[in-house]
């Protein structure tokens, strides 16, 4: 499967959108590792909340939100993604690898979601 070369400009654009994802208690518990043709999503356990989230469930969901933003940002650029979840069993902190695929069919509704990424905000009002 051919993949896209991940230039600095492309990586900055995609990661700039990925990090706008919502996260539990605004912890942003993710890290990204770049290679020439893929982006790895890793859990940043230094940002874990063991009292509120002893099983890292919310941490994992938060990382999933960043992963979705990354895939939506790629779709906006008309790039498909090939996502491998938990690519290395020996490293449970390595949650996903995303390879960018040129010329892939990108669902129009997924690309349309890109407009919502920068508009999302946290509600600070009392419930």
N, C-alpha and C. Protein backbone atom coordinates (compact mmCIF):
# COMPACT_ATOMS: atom_id res chain seq x y z
N UNK A 1 0.85 -1.18 0.00
CA UNK A 1 0.00 0.00 0.00
C UNK A 1 0.89 1.24 0.00
N UNK A 2 0.72 2.13 -0.96
CA UNK A 2 1.53 3.35 -0.99
C UNK A 2 1.14 4.27 0.16
N UNK A 3 2.10 5.01 0.64
CA UNK A 3 1.81 5.95 1.71
C UNK A 3 2.35 7.33 1.34
N UNK A 4 1.87 8.32 2.06
CA UNK A 4 2.26 9.71 1.84
C UNK A 4 3.50 10.00 2.67
N UNK A 5 4.46 10.71 2.07
CA UNK A 5 5.60 11.19 2.84
C UNK A 5 5.11 12.28 3.79
N UNK A 6 5.45 12.15 5.04
CA UNK A 6 4.97 13.06 6.07
C UNK A 6 5.93 14.25 6.20
N UNK A 7 5.65 15.31 5.48
CA UNK A 7 6.48 16.52 5.56
C UNK A 7 6.23 17.22 6.89
N UNK A 8 7.10 18.15 7.25
CA UNK A 8 6.91 18.92 8.48
C UNK A 8 5.61 19.72 8.44
N UNK A 9 5.31 20.34 7.30
CA UNK A 9 4.09 21.15 7.18
C UNK A 9 2.84 20.29 7.33
N UNK A 10 2.84 19.13 6.70
CA UNK A 10 1.69 18.23 6.81
C UNK A 10 1.53 17.73 8.24
N UNK A 11 2.64 17.34 8.85
CA UNK A 11 2.58 16.85 10.25
C UNK A 11 2.07 17.94 11.18
N UNK A 12 2.55 19.16 11.01
CA UNK A 12 2.09 20.26 11.87
C UNK A 12 0.60 20.52 11.69
N UNK A 13 0.12 20.46 10.47
CA UNK A 13 -1.30 20.68 10.22
C UNK A 13 -2.13 19.58 10.87
N UNK A 14 -1.78 18.34 10.63
CA UNK A 14 -2.56 17.23 11.16
C UNK A 14 -2.51 17.18 12.69
N UNK A 15 -1.34 17.35 13.26
CA UNK A 15 -1.22 17.31 14.72
C UNK A 15 -1.86 18.53 15.37
N UNK A 16 -1.81 19.65 14.67
CA UNK A 16 -2.48 20.85 15.18
C UNK A 16 -3.97 20.63 15.35
N UNK A 17 -4.56 19.83 14.47
CA UNK A 17 -5.98 19.50 14.58
C UNK A 17 -6.20 18.40 15.62
N UNK A 18 -5.30 17.44 15.66
CA UNK A 18 -5.45 16.31 16.60
C UNK A 18 -5.45 16.79 18.05
N UNK A 19 -4.60 17.73 18.37
CA UNK A 19 -4.48 18.15 19.78
C UNK A 19 -5.63 19.04 20.24
N UNK A 20 -6.51 19.41 19.32
CA UNK A 20 -7.69 20.17 19.71
C UNK A 20 -8.81 19.26 20.23
N UNK A 21 -8.54 17.99 20.30
CA UNK A 21 -9.55 17.02 20.76
C UNK A 21 -9.91 17.25 22.22
N UNK A 22 -11.14 16.92 22.58
CA UNK A 22 -11.51 17.00 24.00
C UNK A 22 -10.80 15.89 24.77
N UNK A 23 -10.56 16.14 26.04
CA UNK A 23 -9.95 15.12 26.89
C UNK A 23 -10.51 15.24 28.30
N UNK A 24 -10.47 14.14 28.99
CA UNK A 24 -10.98 14.09 30.35
C UNK A 24 -10.24 15.08 31.24
N UNK A 25 -10.97 15.97 31.86
CA UNK A 25 -10.41 16.99 32.75
C UNK A 25 -9.32 17.81 32.06
N UNK A 26 -9.41 17.92 30.72
CA UNK A 26 -8.46 18.67 29.91
C UNK A 26 -7.01 18.24 30.15
N UNK A 27 -6.82 16.94 30.36
CA UNK A 27 -5.47 16.42 30.63
C UNK A 27 -4.62 16.28 29.37
N UNK A 28 -5.24 16.16 28.22
CA UNK A 28 -4.53 15.96 26.95
C UNK A 28 -3.46 14.87 27.09
N UNK A 29 -3.92 13.63 27.41
CA UNK A 29 -2.97 12.56 27.75
C UNK A 29 -2.40 11.82 26.55
N UNK A 30 -1.95 12.54 25.55
CA UNK A 30 -1.43 11.89 24.35
C UNK A 30 -0.08 12.45 23.98
N UNK A 31 0.65 11.62 23.27
CA UNK A 31 1.90 12.02 22.65
C UNK A 31 1.88 11.47 21.23
N UNK A 32 2.63 12.06 20.37
CA UNK A 32 2.70 11.60 18.99
C UNK A 32 4.16 11.37 18.64
N UNK A 33 4.38 10.34 17.85
CA UNK A 33 5.72 10.03 17.36
C UNK A 33 5.60 9.98 15.83
N UNK A 34 6.50 10.69 15.17
CA UNK A 34 6.44 10.78 13.71
C UNK A 34 7.52 9.94 13.06
N UNK A 35 7.17 9.36 11.93
CA UNK A 35 8.16 8.73 11.07
C UNK A 35 7.95 9.32 9.68
N UNK A 36 8.67 8.84 8.71
CA UNK A 36 8.56 9.40 7.36
C UNK A 36 7.18 9.19 6.75
N UNK A 37 6.47 8.14 7.19
CA UNK A 37 5.20 7.83 6.53
C UNK A 37 4.05 7.53 7.49
N UNK A 38 4.25 7.72 8.80
CA UNK A 38 3.18 7.39 9.75
C UNK A 38 3.26 8.28 10.98
N UNK A 39 2.14 8.32 11.68
CA UNK A 39 2.05 9.02 12.95
C UNK A 39 1.60 8.00 13.99
N UNK A 40 2.37 7.89 15.05
CA UNK A 40 2.01 7.00 16.15
C UNK A 40 1.36 7.80 17.26
N UNK A 41 0.31 7.24 17.84
CA UNK A 41 -0.36 7.83 18.99
C UNK A 41 0.01 7.01 20.21
N UNK A 42 0.54 7.71 21.22
CA UNK A 42 0.94 7.04 22.45
C UNK A 42 0.22 7.68 23.64
N UNK A 43 -0.13 6.86 24.60
CA UNK A 43 -0.73 7.37 25.83
C UNK A 43 0.38 8.01 26.67
N UNK A 44 0.11 9.18 27.19
CA UNK A 44 1.06 9.85 28.07
C UNK A 44 0.58 9.63 29.50
N UNK A 45 1.06 8.58 30.11
CA UNK A 45 0.59 8.18 31.44
C UNK A 45 1.03 9.17 32.53
N UNK A 46 1.94 10.08 32.21
CA UNK A 46 2.28 11.13 33.17
C UNK A 46 1.11 12.07 33.39
N UNK A 47 0.16 12.05 32.47
CA UNK A 47 -1.02 12.91 32.57
C UNK A 47 -2.25 12.14 33.06
N UNK A 48 -2.03 10.93 33.51
CA UNK A 48 -3.14 10.10 34.01
C UNK A 48 -3.67 10.67 35.32
N UNK A 49 -4.92 10.34 35.60
CA UNK A 49 -5.58 10.74 36.85
C UNK A 49 -5.99 9.47 37.59
N UNK A 50 -5.06 8.87 38.33
CA UNK A 50 -5.33 7.57 38.93
C UNK A 50 -6.48 7.55 39.94
N UNK A 51 -6.77 8.65 40.60
CA UNK A 51 -7.87 8.68 41.55
C UNK A 51 -9.20 8.69 40.80
N UNK A 52 -9.32 9.53 39.78
CA UNK A 52 -10.56 9.63 39.01
C UNK A 52 -10.70 8.52 37.96
N UNK A 53 -9.60 8.02 37.49
CA UNK A 53 -9.60 7.09 36.35
C UNK A 53 -8.60 5.96 36.59
N UNK A 54 -8.87 5.11 37.61
CA UNK A 54 -7.87 4.11 38.00
C UNK A 54 -7.54 3.08 36.91
N UNK A 55 -8.46 2.86 35.98
CA UNK A 55 -8.22 1.88 34.91
C UNK A 55 -7.81 2.52 33.59
N UNK A 56 -7.55 3.82 33.59
CA UNK A 56 -7.15 4.57 32.39
C UNK A 56 -8.20 4.54 31.29
N UNK A 57 -9.44 4.29 31.65
CA UNK A 57 -10.51 4.27 30.65
C UNK A 57 -10.70 5.65 30.02
N UNK A 58 -10.82 6.69 30.85
CA UNK A 58 -11.01 8.04 30.32
C UNK A 58 -9.78 8.50 29.55
N UNK A 59 -8.61 8.11 30.00
CA UNK A 59 -7.37 8.45 29.29
C UNK A 59 -7.41 7.86 27.89
N UNK A 60 -7.83 6.62 27.78
CA UNK A 60 -7.88 5.94 26.48
C UNK A 60 -8.94 6.57 25.58
N UNK A 61 -10.10 6.90 26.15
CA UNK A 61 -11.15 7.56 25.35
C UNK A 61 -10.64 8.91 24.86
N UNK A 62 -9.95 9.65 25.71
CA UNK A 62 -9.39 10.94 25.31
C UNK A 62 -8.42 10.78 24.14
N UNK A 63 -7.58 9.76 24.20
CA UNK A 63 -6.64 9.50 23.11
C UNK A 63 -7.39 9.12 21.84
N UNK A 64 -8.51 8.41 22.00
CA UNK A 64 -9.34 8.07 20.85
C UNK A 64 -9.90 9.31 20.18
N UNK A 65 -10.23 10.32 20.97
CA UNK A 65 -10.71 11.59 20.41
C UNK A 65 -9.61 12.25 19.58
N UNK A 66 -8.39 12.23 20.08
CA UNK A 66 -7.26 12.80 19.32
C UNK A 66 -7.04 12.02 18.03
N UNK A 67 -7.18 10.70 18.11
CA UNK A 67 -7.04 9.85 16.93
C UNK A 67 -8.10 10.21 15.89
N UNK A 68 -9.33 10.39 16.32
CA UNK A 68 -10.40 10.74 15.39
C UNK A 68 -10.15 12.10 14.74
N UNK A 69 -9.72 13.07 15.54
CA UNK A 69 -9.39 14.39 14.97
C UNK A 69 -8.29 14.26 13.91
N UNK A 70 -7.30 13.44 14.18
CA UNK A 70 -6.20 13.23 13.23
C UNK A 70 -6.74 12.66 11.92
N UNK A 71 -7.60 11.67 12.01
CA UNK A 71 -8.16 11.05 10.81
C UNK A 71 -9.07 12.02 10.05
N UNK A 72 -9.82 12.83 10.78
CA UNK A 72 -10.67 13.83 10.13
C UNK A 72 -9.82 14.88 9.43
N UNK A 73 -8.74 15.31 10.08
CA UNK A 73 -7.84 16.31 9.46
C UNK A 73 -7.23 15.74 8.18
N UNK A 74 -6.89 14.46 8.18
CA UNK A 74 -6.36 13.83 6.97
C UNK A 74 -7.43 13.80 5.88
N UNK A 75 -8.65 13.48 6.25
CA UNK A 75 -9.75 13.42 5.28
C UNK A 75 -9.98 14.79 4.64
N UNK A 76 -9.85 15.84 5.46
CA UNK A 76 -10.00 17.20 4.93
C UNK A 76 -8.97 17.48 3.83
N UNK A 77 -7.81 16.87 3.93
CA UNK A 77 -6.76 17.04 2.92
C UNK A 77 -6.85 15.97 1.82
N UNK A 78 -8.00 15.27 1.82
CA UNK A 78 -8.26 14.21 0.84
C UNK A 78 -7.24 13.09 0.92
N UNK A 79 -6.82 12.79 2.14
CA UNK A 79 -5.92 11.67 2.40
C UNK A 79 -6.69 10.61 3.19
N UNK A 80 -6.58 9.40 2.74
CA UNK A 80 -7.14 8.30 3.51
C UNK A 80 -6.20 7.93 4.63
N UNK A 81 -6.65 7.11 5.53
CA UNK A 81 -5.79 6.64 6.62
C UNK A 81 -5.90 5.13 6.73
N UNK A 82 -4.80 4.53 7.07
CA UNK A 82 -4.78 3.11 7.44
C UNK A 82 -4.34 3.09 8.90
N UNK A 83 -5.27 2.76 9.79
CA UNK A 83 -5.00 2.82 11.23
C UNK A 83 -4.83 1.42 11.78
N UNK A 84 -3.72 1.22 12.48
CA UNK A 84 -3.46 -0.03 13.17
C UNK A 84 -3.56 0.24 14.66
N UNK A 85 -4.54 -0.38 15.31
CA UNK A 85 -4.71 -0.20 16.74
C UNK A 85 -3.80 -1.15 17.50
N UNK A 86 -3.25 -0.67 18.60
CA UNK A 86 -2.36 -1.45 19.46
C UNK A 86 -1.33 -2.24 18.64
N UNK A 87 -0.48 -1.53 17.90
CA UNK A 87 0.43 -2.20 16.96
C UNK A 87 1.49 -3.07 17.61
N UNK A 88 1.77 -2.89 18.88
CA UNK A 88 2.83 -3.68 19.54
C UNK A 88 2.33 -4.15 20.90
N UNK A 89 2.03 -5.42 21.01
CA UNK A 89 1.47 -5.97 22.25
C UNK A 89 2.37 -5.73 23.45
N UNK A 90 3.67 -5.70 23.24
CA UNK A 90 4.61 -5.50 24.34
C UNK A 90 4.63 -4.06 24.84
N UNK A 91 4.01 -3.14 24.11
CA UNK A 91 3.99 -1.73 24.48
C UNK A 91 2.54 -1.24 24.54
N UNK A 92 1.84 -1.45 25.66
CA UNK A 92 0.43 -1.07 25.74
C UNK A 92 0.20 0.44 25.68
N UNK A 93 1.23 1.23 25.83
CA UNK A 93 1.09 2.68 25.72
C UNK A 93 1.04 3.16 24.28
N UNK A 94 1.44 2.29 23.36
CA UNK A 94 1.41 2.61 21.93
C UNK A 94 0.02 2.24 21.43
N UNK A 95 -0.84 3.23 21.30
CA UNK A 95 -2.25 2.97 21.04
C UNK A 95 -2.59 2.78 19.56
N UNK A 96 -1.91 3.48 18.69
CA UNK A 96 -2.27 3.39 17.27
C UNK A 96 -1.14 3.89 16.39
N UNK A 97 -1.13 3.38 15.17
CA UNK A 97 -0.26 3.90 14.11
C UNK A 97 -1.17 4.27 12.95
N UNK A 98 -0.99 5.49 12.45
CA UNK A 98 -1.81 6.00 11.35
C UNK A 98 -0.89 6.26 10.16
N UNK A 99 -1.11 5.51 9.09
CA UNK A 99 -0.41 5.75 7.83
C UNK A 99 -1.36 6.52 6.93
N UNK A 100 -0.84 7.49 6.24
CA UNK A 100 -1.64 8.32 5.32
C UNK A 100 -1.59 7.69 3.94
N UNK A 101 -2.76 7.55 3.33
CA UNK A 101 -2.88 6.84 2.07
C UNK A 101 -3.38 7.81 0.99
N UNK A 102 -2.58 8.03 -0.05
CA UNK A 102 -3.02 8.94 -1.12
C UNK A 102 -4.07 8.26 -1.99
N UNK A 103 -4.99 9.06 -2.49
CA UNK A 103 -5.95 8.55 -3.45
C UNK A 103 -7.00 7.61 -2.88
N UNK A 104 -7.08 7.49 -1.57
CA UNK A 104 -8.09 6.61 -0.96
C UNK A 104 -9.45 7.30 -1.00
N UNK A 105 -10.49 6.50 -1.01
CA UNK A 105 -11.84 7.07 -0.92
C UNK A 105 -12.04 7.63 0.47
N UNK A 106 -12.28 8.91 0.54
CA UNK A 106 -12.49 9.58 1.83
C UNK A 106 -13.98 9.91 1.93
N UNK A 107 -14.66 9.40 2.96
CA UNK A 107 -16.08 9.72 3.10
C UNK A 107 -16.29 11.23 3.23
N UNK A 108 -17.21 11.78 2.44
CA UNK A 108 -17.45 13.22 2.44
C UNK A 108 -17.89 13.70 3.82
N UNK A 109 -18.67 12.89 4.52
CA UNK A 109 -19.12 13.33 5.84
C UNK A 109 -17.97 13.42 6.83
N UNK A 110 -16.96 12.58 6.66
CA UNK A 110 -15.80 12.65 7.54
C UNK A 110 -15.01 13.92 7.28
N UNK A 111 -14.78 14.24 6.03
CA UNK A 111 -14.05 15.47 5.70
C UNK A 111 -14.82 16.70 6.18
N UNK A 112 -16.15 16.65 6.10
CA UNK A 112 -16.97 17.79 6.53
C UNK A 112 -16.85 18.05 8.03
N UNK A 113 -16.54 17.03 8.80
CA UNK A 113 -16.39 17.22 10.24
C UNK A 113 -15.21 18.12 10.60
N UNK A 114 -14.27 18.27 9.68
CA UNK A 114 -13.07 19.08 9.95
C UNK A 114 -13.42 20.51 10.33
N UNK A 115 -14.51 21.02 9.79
CA UNK A 115 -14.91 22.39 10.12
C UNK A 115 -15.25 22.54 11.60
N UNK A 116 -15.69 21.47 12.23
CA UNK A 116 -16.11 21.54 13.63
C UNK A 116 -14.93 21.48 14.60
N UNK A 117 -13.79 20.97 14.18
CA UNK A 117 -12.67 20.78 15.11
C UNK A 117 -12.26 22.08 15.79
N UNK A 118 -11.99 23.17 15.07
CA UNK A 118 -11.55 24.39 15.77
C UNK A 118 -12.67 25.10 16.53
N UNK A 119 -13.91 24.74 16.26
CA UNK A 119 -15.02 25.40 16.94
C UNK A 119 -15.38 24.74 18.27
N UNK A 120 -14.92 23.52 18.50
CA UNK A 120 -15.23 22.82 19.73
C UNK A 120 -14.59 23.54 20.91
N UNK A 121 -15.31 23.65 22.01
CA UNK A 121 -14.75 24.29 23.20
C UNK A 121 -15.33 23.63 24.44
N UNK A 122 -14.65 23.82 25.53
CA UNK A 122 -15.11 23.27 26.79
C UNK A 122 -16.15 24.18 27.40
N UNK A 123 -17.13 23.59 28.01
CA UNK A 123 -18.15 24.35 28.73
C UNK A 123 -17.68 24.55 30.17
N UNK A 124 -17.54 25.77 30.58
CA UNK A 124 -17.09 26.07 31.94
C UNK A 124 -18.22 26.53 32.85
N UNK A 125 -19.44 26.41 32.36
CA UNK A 125 -20.60 26.84 33.16
C UNK A 125 -20.98 25.75 34.15
N UNK A 126 -21.53 26.12 35.30
CA UNK A 126 -22.00 25.11 36.25
C UNK A 126 -23.15 24.30 35.65
N UNK A 127 -23.22 23.06 36.04
CA UNK A 127 -24.31 22.20 35.56
C UNK A 127 -25.44 22.23 36.55
